[in-house]
Amino acid sequence: MTTTAPPPIVDILNPAVYEDGDPESNGLPLSSYTRLRDEAPCYLHQSQDPACRDRVWVVTRHEDIVRVDRDAENFVNAHGVSFQKFGATTGSMIYLDGADHRRHRNVLRAAFTPRAVSIYAQSFRVLAREIVTMAMRKDSFDFVKEISVEMPLNVMCDLLEIPQADRRQFLAWINAFAVTTDPRFAATPEAAMDGVLRTRRYTLDLARTRRAAPGPDLLSKLISAVDTGSLAEDELQAFAILLAGAGTDTTRNALSHGIHALIRNPQQLAWLRDRADDIPRGPIEEIIRWASPVIHFGRTVVADTQVAGQQVCAGEFVVMVFPAGNFDPAAFDEPTTFDLSRDPNPHVSFGVGPHSCLGRHVALLEIKILLEELLYATSRIEQTGPIKYTRDSRLRGVHNLPVTVTRA
C-alpha cells in the first residue's frame, strides 16, 4: 500500500518553506518533520513543479537516513542525487558509484585528511583575521556578506589558486548554479546553466595555464590526475565545480546559522568565549548539526526493498531530509536545544556513508578559526534586523543577517 503524507502538512521540499522559515524554529519546518517521522517516515511525495521529479519517497527519521546513506549497494547516485531535475553536472563525483566514485575520491583523499588539512591552519588564521578586521571597520554590517561569504570563498579560491581579480565573478557563477530556485542568485534556468558553462570554461582555461606551471594547489593535483589517467578532462572540470560549489555554499551557510544561533543563545556564546583560545571540535559539530547546510540528497533504489516499513521499488527515488534526521529525538536528547557541549552528536550533515563529505575537515577548521578570531576581536555581537533565508530546499542558505559588534 502506498503511503502518502498525512494531510494537512507543509510541503517540506518546497523552496518557499525555507525562505519563509520561522527563526523561532531555526527556520525549519520542525513540526512537519515531527509529524512525518511519527506518521509517515517514508512517504510518496507527488510534485507538480516542472523543475522537480514527479514523485519521490521522502525519508525523515535519523535511523532510516543513516541506513539509506550507508547502503551504497542498494541506493545509488548514478541517476542523480538532486531532487531538482535541472542543474546536473555530468562527470561529477556526486553522480558516481562504486569503483568510479572511489577513483574520484582517491584523487584528493590524501589532501583532505585531518593531518593534511592542519597545514592550512596558519593561512586560514591570517585570512580570518583580515576578514574580521575588514568587517569591523563598520560597527554594523551584514554578517553573511562581510564574513560568511568571504571566509569559504577565499579559502577555496586559495586552495585552487584562483586569482583575486576573478573571485567575485567566480562567486556569482557558483551562486547561479548552486541555488537555482532563488531569483536573487539565478533569475532564470538559463542563467543557472550559464553559470555552469562559464565556470567550466573558466576552469578549463585556468587548467591550461596551470599545466604549464603546476604548483601545490588542488587544481594542479586534478591536472596531474588527468595526465596520469585517473581522471578525464571533463571530469576535472566537474570536480573543480564540485569543490567550488560545495566548499563555498555549505560552509557559508553553517557560519551564518551558527552565529545566528549563538546570538540567540547568549549563555552558549559565553560558554564558547571561555574556550575561544582553542575551540574544541564538539561545538563546531553542534553548529553543523544545527545549521544542517544541506537539506536533502537523493538516491535511486537498485532492487525492491523496504524503508521504514514502506515498500519501495527498484528504479524509484528516495530523498533523505538531513535536518529532519538532525532534529530527531530518537537520536538526540532535546534536539531543539542548541547545546555546544552535546556529546555524542551523531548528526548527518556531512553524510555517513561512502559519499560522506570529502572536505569536512576543511570546513571544521575554517569555522573553528573564524569563530576564534571573531570572538577575540569582539566583546559583544547583536542582531539588528530580521534574518532572511534563501529560497531553496536543497541548500539551507541565509541571505542576510544584520549585526552590530562591540570591539574587545
Protein backbone atom coordinates (compact mmCIF):
# COMPACT_ATOMS: atom_id res chain seq x y z
CA MET A 1 0.00 0.00 0.00
CA THR A 2 1.34 3.44 -0.95
CA THR A 3 1.91 5.79 1.97
CA THR A 4 1.33 9.48 1.37
CA ALA A 5 1.94 12.42 3.67
CA PRO A 6 -0.80 12.84 6.30
CA PRO A 7 -2.74 15.98 5.36
CA PRO A 8 -2.59 18.79 6.16
CA ILE A 9 1.17 19.16 6.20
CA VAL A 10 3.75 21.58 4.88
CA ASP A 11 5.47 20.56 1.65
CA ILE A 12 8.98 20.18 3.08
CA LEU A 13 10.50 20.04 -0.42
CA ASN A 14 9.07 23.41 -1.40
CA PRO A 15 11.79 26.12 -1.58
CA ALA A 16 9.34 28.74 -0.27
CA VAL A 17 9.00 26.81 3.01
CA TYR A 18 12.65 27.51 3.79
CA GLU A 19 12.64 31.09 2.51
CA ASP A 20 9.71 31.82 4.83
CA GLY A 21 11.13 29.83 7.75
CA ASP A 22 10.40 30.99 11.28
CA PRO A 23 13.59 31.92 13.20
CA GLU A 24 11.87 30.69 16.37
CA SER A 25 12.07 27.17 14.92
CA ASN A 26 15.54 27.71 13.46
CA GLY A 27 14.00 28.50 10.07
CA LEU A 28 12.97 24.85 9.67
CA PRO A 29 9.53 23.21 9.45
CA LEU A 30 10.25 21.27 12.64
CA SER A 31 6.61 20.48 13.43
CA SER A 32 6.16 18.98 9.96
CA TYR A 33 9.34 16.94 10.37
CA THR A 34 7.98 15.62 13.67
CA ARG A 35 4.66 14.62 12.18
CA LEU A 36 6.30 12.91 9.24
CA ARG A 37 8.70 10.96 11.45
CA ASP A 38 5.78 9.87 13.61
CA GLU A 39 3.12 9.19 10.98
CA ALA A 40 4.79 8.77 7.59
CA PRO A 41 8.57 8.34 7.92
CA CYS A 42 8.79 7.23 4.29
CA TYR A 43 6.05 8.80 2.19
CA LEU A 44 5.43 9.25 -1.52
CA HIS A 45 5.76 12.90 -2.48
CA GLN A 46 3.97 13.98 -5.66
CA SER A 47 5.24 17.19 -7.24
CA GLN A 48 3.63 19.47 -9.82
CA ASP A 49 6.77 21.56 -10.15
CA PRO A 50 8.25 21.08 -13.67
CA ALA A 51 11.74 21.60 -12.26
CA CYS A 52 11.36 18.63 -9.90
CA ARG A 53 10.95 14.91 -10.19
CA ASP A 54 7.30 13.89 -10.40
CA ARG A 55 7.46 11.54 -7.42
CA VAL A 56 9.98 10.73 -4.72
CA TRP A 57 9.98 8.81 -1.46
CA VAL A 58 10.80 11.20 1.39
CA VAL A 59 12.69 9.79 4.40
CA THR A 60 12.80 11.79 7.66
CA ARG A 61 13.90 9.50 10.52
CA HIS A 62 17.55 9.54 11.56
CA GLU A 63 17.92 5.75 11.53
CA ASP A 64 16.45 5.47 8.02
CA ILE A 65 18.60 8.30 6.66
CA VAL A 66 21.70 6.56 8.05
CA ARG A 67 20.62 3.25 6.57
CA VAL A 68 20.00 4.70 3.07
CA ASP A 69 23.17 6.80 3.10
CA ARG A 70 25.40 3.92 4.18
CA ASP A 71 23.94 1.32 1.82
CA ALA A 72 25.68 2.34 -1.40
CA GLU A 73 24.94 -1.03 -2.98
CA ASN A 74 21.17 -0.70 -2.91
CA PHE A 75 20.78 3.09 -3.00
CA VAL A 76 22.90 4.62 -5.75
CA ASN A 77 23.75 8.02 -7.19
CA ALA A 78 24.01 7.03 -10.83
CA HIS A 79 20.69 8.59 -11.84
CA GLY A 80 21.21 11.85 -9.96
CA VAL A 81 21.29 12.87 -6.33
CA SER A 82 19.40 16.14 -6.57
CA PHE A 83 15.67 16.44 -6.19
CA GLN A 84 15.77 19.03 -8.94
CA LYS A 85 15.98 17.80 -12.50
CA PHE A 86 17.83 20.92 -13.55
CA GLY A 87 21.44 21.57 -12.69
CA ALA A 88 23.02 18.11 -13.05
CA THR A 89 26.78 18.25 -13.56
CA THR A 90 27.78 15.25 -15.64
CA GLY A 91 31.05 13.64 -14.65
CA SER A 92 30.78 14.90 -11.08
CA MET A 93 31.76 12.60 -8.23
CA ILE A 94 28.35 13.03 -6.57
CA TYR A 95 26.74 11.28 -9.57
CA LEU A 96 29.06 8.26 -9.43
CA ASP A 97 29.06 4.97 -7.55
CA GLY A 98 31.38 2.08 -6.80
CA ALA A 99 34.79 1.99 -8.44
CA ASP A 100 34.29 5.25 -10.36
CA HIS A 101 33.31 7.06 -7.19
CA ARG A 102 36.32 5.66 -5.31
CA ARG A 103 38.59 6.65 -8.21
CA HIS A 104 37.44 10.25 -7.93
CA ARG A 105 37.71 10.39 -4.13
CA ASN A 106 41.21 8.89 -4.21
CA VAL A 107 42.47 11.78 -6.35
CA LEU A 108 42.21 14.22 -3.41
CA ARG A 109 41.67 11.91 -0.44
CA ALA A 110 45.20 12.46 0.86
CA ALA A 111 44.79 16.24 0.59
CA PHE A 112 41.73 16.23 2.84
CA THR A 113 42.85 14.12 5.79
CA PRO A 114 42.94 15.89 9.18
CA ARG A 115 46.74 15.88 9.15
CA ALA A 116 46.93 17.29 5.62
CA VAL A 117 44.32 19.96 6.34
CA SER A 118 46.12 21.06 9.51
CA ILE A 119 48.91 22.61 7.43
CA TYR A 120 46.42 25.28 6.33
CA ALA A 121 45.76 26.46 9.88
CA GLN A 122 48.12 29.42 9.75
CA SER A 123 46.97 30.68 6.35
CA PHE A 124 43.32 30.24 7.42
CA ARG A 125 44.04 32.30 10.53
CA VAL A 126 45.63 35.11 8.57
CA LEU A 127 42.65 35.14 6.23
CA ALA A 128 40.09 35.02 9.07
CA ARG A 129 41.82 37.88 10.89
CA GLU A 130 41.79 40.01 7.73
CA ILE A 131 38.09 39.29 7.11
CA VAL A 132 37.06 40.10 10.68
CA THR A 133 39.20 43.26 10.71
CA MET A 134 37.67 44.47 7.45
CA ALA A 135 34.12 43.79 8.63
CA MET A 136 34.67 45.58 11.91
CA ARG A 137 35.65 48.81 10.23
CA LYS A 138 31.89 49.31 10.45
CA ASP A 139 30.04 48.91 13.73
CA SER A 140 27.06 47.37 11.90
CA PHE A 141 27.17 45.13 8.87
CA ASP A 142 25.59 42.13 7.15
CA PHE A 143 27.31 39.11 8.66
CA VAL A 144 26.57 36.97 5.60
CA LYS A 145 28.05 39.40 3.08
CA GLU A 146 31.03 40.57 5.13
CA ILE A 147 32.08 37.33 6.86
CA SER A 148 30.16 34.15 5.98
CA VAL A 149 30.66 34.56 2.25
CA GLU A 150 34.24 35.78 2.47
CA MET A 151 35.85 33.00 4.52
CA PRO A 152 34.89 29.89 2.48
CA LEU A 153 35.09 31.71 -0.87
CA ASN A 154 38.66 32.80 -0.26
CA VAL A 155 39.70 29.52 1.33
CA MET A 156 38.51 27.54 -1.68
CA CYS A 157 39.93 30.05 -4.16
CA ASP A 158 43.25 29.92 -2.31
CA LEU A 159 43.26 26.12 -2.44
CA LEU A 160 42.56 26.22 -6.19
CA GLU A 161 44.79 29.29 -6.65
CA ILE A 162 42.12 31.34 -8.39
CA PRO A 163 43.36 34.92 -8.92
CA GLN A 164 41.92 37.59 -6.64
CA ALA A 165 40.61 39.58 -9.60
CA ASP A 166 38.39 36.69 -10.68
CA ARG A 167 36.86 35.74 -7.32
CA ARG A 168 33.75 37.97 -7.36
CA GLN A 169 32.76 36.69 -10.78
CA PHE A 170 33.55 33.14 -9.75
CA LEU A 171 31.23 33.52 -6.75
CA ALA A 172 28.41 34.83 -8.95
CA TRP A 173 28.68 31.82 -11.23
CA ILE A 174 28.68 29.42 -8.27
CA ASN A 175 25.63 31.08 -6.72
CA ALA A 176 23.74 30.89 -10.02
CA PHE A 177 24.05 27.13 -10.43
CA ALA A 178 24.09 26.18 -6.73
CA VAL A 179 20.85 27.97 -5.81
CA THR A 180 18.72 27.72 -8.94
CA THR A 181 15.41 28.34 -7.15
CA ASP A 182 16.27 31.77 -5.74
CA PRO A 183 15.92 34.58 -8.32
CA ARG A 184 18.39 36.67 -6.31
CA PHE A 185 21.05 34.22 -7.47
CA ALA A 186 19.68 32.91 -10.77
CA ALA A 187 16.92 34.92 -12.45
CA THR A 188 16.12 32.11 -14.89
CA PRO A 189 17.07 28.47 -15.50
CA GLU A 190 19.12 29.75 -18.43
CA ALA A 191 21.10 31.98 -16.07
CA ALA A 192 21.83 28.98 -13.86
CA MET A 193 23.02 26.91 -16.80
CA ASP A 194 25.12 29.85 -17.96
CA GLY A 195 26.81 29.80 -14.56
CA VAL A 196 27.72 26.13 -15.05
CA LEU A 197 29.05 26.69 -18.57
CA ARG A 198 31.07 29.76 -17.64
CA THR A 199 32.59 28.01 -14.63
CA ARG A 200 33.53 25.04 -16.80
CA ARG A 201 35.09 27.30 -19.42
CA TYR A 202 36.99 29.28 -16.81
CA THR A 203 38.27 26.10 -15.15
CA LEU A 204 39.42 24.71 -18.48
CA ASP A 205 41.30 27.91 -19.32
CA LEU A 206 42.87 28.02 -15.86
CA ALA A 207 43.88 24.37 -16.15
CA ARG A 208 45.71 25.08 -19.41
CA THR A 209 47.73 27.79 -17.70
CA ARG A 210 48.35 25.70 -14.59
CA ARG A 211 49.51 22.69 -16.60
CA ALA A 212 52.41 24.77 -17.87
CA ALA A 213 53.33 25.85 -14.34
CA PRO A 214 51.92 23.39 -11.77
CA GLY A 215 52.07 24.05 -8.04
CA PRO A 216 50.87 22.55 -4.74
CA ASP A 217 47.27 23.72 -5.28
CA LEU A 218 44.28 21.39 -5.71
CA LEU A 219 43.78 22.25 -9.37
CA SER A 220 47.34 21.14 -10.13
CA LYS A 221 46.58 17.85 -8.34
CA LEU A 222 43.49 17.40 -10.53
CA ILE A 223 45.54 18.15 -13.65
CA SER A 224 48.11 15.57 -12.57
CA ALA A 225 45.29 13.05 -12.19
CA VAL A 226 44.21 13.75 -15.78
CA ASP A 227 47.76 13.41 -17.07
CA THR A 228 48.20 10.06 -15.30
CA GLY A 229 44.84 8.74 -16.50
CA SER A 230 43.00 8.85 -13.17
CA LEU A 231 40.56 11.50 -14.42
CA ALA A 232 39.21 12.51 -17.81
CA GLU A 233 39.34 16.17 -18.85
CA ASP A 234 35.59 16.68 -18.43
CA GLU A 235 35.81 15.02 -15.01
CA LEU A 236 38.45 17.54 -13.98
CA GLN A 237 36.07 20.39 -14.77
CA ALA A 238 33.21 18.70 -12.91
CA PHE A 239 35.48 18.06 -9.92
CA ALA A 240 36.59 21.68 -9.79
CA ILE A 241 32.97 22.86 -9.95
CA LEU A 242 32.04 20.46 -7.15
CA LEU A 243 34.89 21.74 -4.97
CA ALA A 244 33.98 25.35 -5.64
CA GLY A 245 30.26 24.92 -5.01
CA ALA A 246 30.39 22.56 -2.04
CA GLY A 247 33.34 24.36 -0.49
CA THR A 248 31.70 27.79 -0.55
CA ASP A 249 27.95 27.37 -0.09
CA THR A 250 27.77 24.82 2.72
CA THR A 251 30.41 26.41 4.95
CA ARG A 252 28.91 29.84 4.34
CA ASN A 253 25.53 28.55 5.48
CA ALA A 254 26.99 26.83 8.55
CA LEU A 255 28.71 30.05 9.63
CA SER A 256 25.55 32.12 9.11
CA HIS A 257 23.23 29.77 11.00
CA GLY A 258 25.90 29.24 13.63
CA ILE A 259 26.38 32.90 14.52
CA HIS A 260 22.60 33.38 14.48
CA ALA A 261 22.23 30.55 16.99
CA LEU A 262 24.99 31.98 19.18
CA ILE A 263 23.37 35.43 19.20
CA ARG A 264 20.03 33.88 20.17
CA ASN A 265 21.64 31.79 22.90
CA PRO A 266 23.85 34.17 24.92
CA GLN A 267 24.75 31.53 27.51
CA GLN A 268 26.12 29.31 24.75
CA LEU A 269 28.01 32.26 23.28
CA ALA A 270 29.55 32.96 26.70
CA TRP A 271 30.46 29.26 27.02
CA LEU A 272 32.22 29.45 23.65
CA ARG A 273 34.03 32.68 24.56
CA ASP A 274 35.54 30.87 27.54
CA ARG A 275 37.09 28.40 25.08
CA ALA A 276 37.95 30.82 22.28
CA ASP A 277 41.72 30.32 22.64
CA ASP A 278 41.31 26.85 21.16
CA ILE A 279 37.71 25.91 20.35
CA PRO A 280 37.29 22.12 20.56
CA ARG A 281 35.66 20.12 17.80
CA GLY A 282 32.44 19.37 19.71
CA PRO A 283 30.95 22.89 19.49
CA ILE A 284 31.71 23.07 15.78
CA GLU A 285 29.91 19.76 15.22
CA GLU A 286 26.86 21.15 17.08
CA ILE A 287 26.88 24.21 14.83
CA ILE A 288 26.98 21.90 11.81
CA ARG A 289 24.05 19.86 13.20
CA TRP A 290 22.05 22.98 13.98
CA ALA A 291 22.78 24.56 10.60
CA SER A 292 22.11 21.39 8.56
CA PRO A 293 23.57 23.18 5.50
CA VAL A 294 22.30 20.55 3.04
CA ILE A 295 18.56 19.94 3.26
CA HIS A 296 18.25 16.88 1.10
CA PHE A 297 20.06 14.39 -1.07
CA GLY A 298 18.58 11.55 -3.07
CA ARG A 299 19.37 8.01 -4.14
CA THR A 300 17.95 5.68 -6.75
CA VAL A 301 16.77 2.28 -5.49
CA VAL A 302 18.55 -0.69 -7.11
CA ALA A 303 16.26 -3.53 -6.00
CA ASP A 304 12.85 -3.73 -4.34
CA THR A 305 13.24 -3.08 -0.64
CA GLN A 306 11.54 -1.61 2.40
CA VAL A 307 12.33 1.71 4.05
CA ALA A 308 10.64 2.46 7.39
CA GLY A 309 8.25 -0.41 6.67
CA GLN A 310 7.28 1.03 3.29
CA GLN A 311 7.74 -0.99 0.10
CA VAL A 312 9.95 0.92 -2.34
CA CYS A 313 10.56 -0.46 -5.82
CA ALA A 314 13.65 -0.67 -7.98
CA GLY A 315 14.15 2.45 -10.06
CA GLU A 316 12.30 4.71 -7.64
CA PHE A 317 13.92 7.72 -5.97
CA VAL A 318 14.45 8.17 -2.23
CA VAL A 319 15.18 11.59 -0.71
CA MET A 320 16.93 11.88 2.67
CA VAL A 321 15.93 15.04 4.57
CA PHE A 322 19.01 15.69 6.68
CA PRO A 323 17.66 18.38 9.06
CA ALA A 324 14.73 16.10 9.89
CA GLY A 325 17.29 13.50 10.95
CA ASN A 326 19.36 16.05 12.83
CA PHE A 327 16.35 17.05 14.94
CA ASP A 328 15.07 13.51 15.57
CA PRO A 329 14.53 12.94 19.32
CA ALA A 330 15.19 9.22 18.78
CA ALA A 331 18.81 10.12 18.00
CA PHE A 332 19.37 13.29 20.07
CA ASP A 333 18.46 14.35 23.60
CA GLU A 334 16.48 17.59 23.41
CA PRO A 335 17.28 18.12 19.72
CA THR A 336 15.71 21.58 19.57
CA THR A 337 18.19 22.81 22.19
CA PHE A 338 21.36 24.40 20.82
CA ASP A 339 23.95 22.73 23.05
CA LEU A 340 27.64 23.28 22.27
CA SER A 341 28.61 20.61 24.82
CA ARG A 342 26.48 17.96 23.11
CA ASP A 343 28.16 14.56 23.20
CA PRO A 344 27.59 12.28 21.42
CA ASN A 345 26.45 14.14 18.32
CA PRO A 346 25.63 11.68 15.52
CA HIS A 347 24.46 14.35 13.07
CA VAL A 348 24.11 13.52 9.40
CA SER A 349 25.04 16.91 7.94
CA PHE A 350 28.23 15.57 6.36
CA GLY A 351 26.65 12.28 5.31
CA VAL A 352 27.54 9.00 6.95
CA GLY A 353 28.36 6.56 4.16
CA PRO A 354 30.90 6.26 1.35
CA HIS A 355 29.56 9.50 -0.12
CA SER A 356 30.21 11.49 3.06
CA CYS A 357 31.67 14.97 2.62
CA LEU A 358 35.27 14.77 1.42
CA GLY A 359 36.08 18.29 2.61
CA ARG A 360 34.58 18.08 6.10
CA HIS A 361 37.90 18.67 7.86
CA VAL A 362 38.48 21.84 5.82
CA ALA A 363 35.04 23.12 6.85
CA LEU A 364 35.57 22.27 10.52
CA LEU A 365 38.93 24.05 10.57
CA GLU A 366 37.56 27.12 8.77
CA ILE A 367 34.68 27.51 11.20
CA LYS A 368 36.87 26.93 14.25
CA ILE A 369 39.45 29.54 13.25
CA LEU A 370 36.92 32.12 12.04
CA LEU A 371 35.00 31.91 15.32
CA GLU A 372 38.20 32.17 17.36
CA GLU A 373 39.22 35.34 15.52
CA LEU A 374 35.72 36.81 15.73
CA LEU A 375 35.42 36.18 19.48
CA TYR A 376 38.92 37.51 20.11
CA ALA A 377 38.09 40.76 18.29
CA THR A 378 34.65 41.37 19.83
CA SER A 379 33.12 41.65 23.26
CA ARG A 380 29.53 41.71 22.01
CA ILE A 381 27.60 40.64 18.90
CA GLU A 382 23.95 41.57 18.46
CA GLN A 383 21.39 41.08 15.73
CA THR A 384 19.93 44.35 14.45
CA GLY A 385 17.33 43.17 11.95
CA PRO A 386 15.47 40.09 10.74
CA ILE A 387 17.37 37.16 9.31
CA LYS A 388 16.43 36.46 5.69
CA TYR A 389 16.70 32.93 4.35
CA THR A 390 17.44 31.69 0.85
CA ARG A 391 14.62 30.39 -1.32
CA ASP A 392 15.89 26.84 -1.70
CA SER A 393 15.03 23.35 -0.49
CA ARG A 394 18.38 21.78 -1.31
CA LEU A 395 20.90 24.09 0.39
CA ARG A 396 19.82 25.86 3.59
CA GLY A 397 21.17 29.31 2.98
CA VAL A 398 20.96 32.65 4.75
CA HIS A 399 20.68 35.69 2.51
CA ASN A 400 21.08 38.43 5.11
CA LEU A 401 21.88 38.67 8.82
CA PRO A 402 22.39 42.26 10.03
CA VAL A 403 24.52 42.58 13.16
CA THR A 404 26.30 45.14 15.24
CA VAL A 405 29.51 44.42 17.13
CA THR A 406 31.38 45.89 20.06
CA ARG A 407 35.13 45.66 19.76
CA ALA A 408 37.04 43.90 22.51
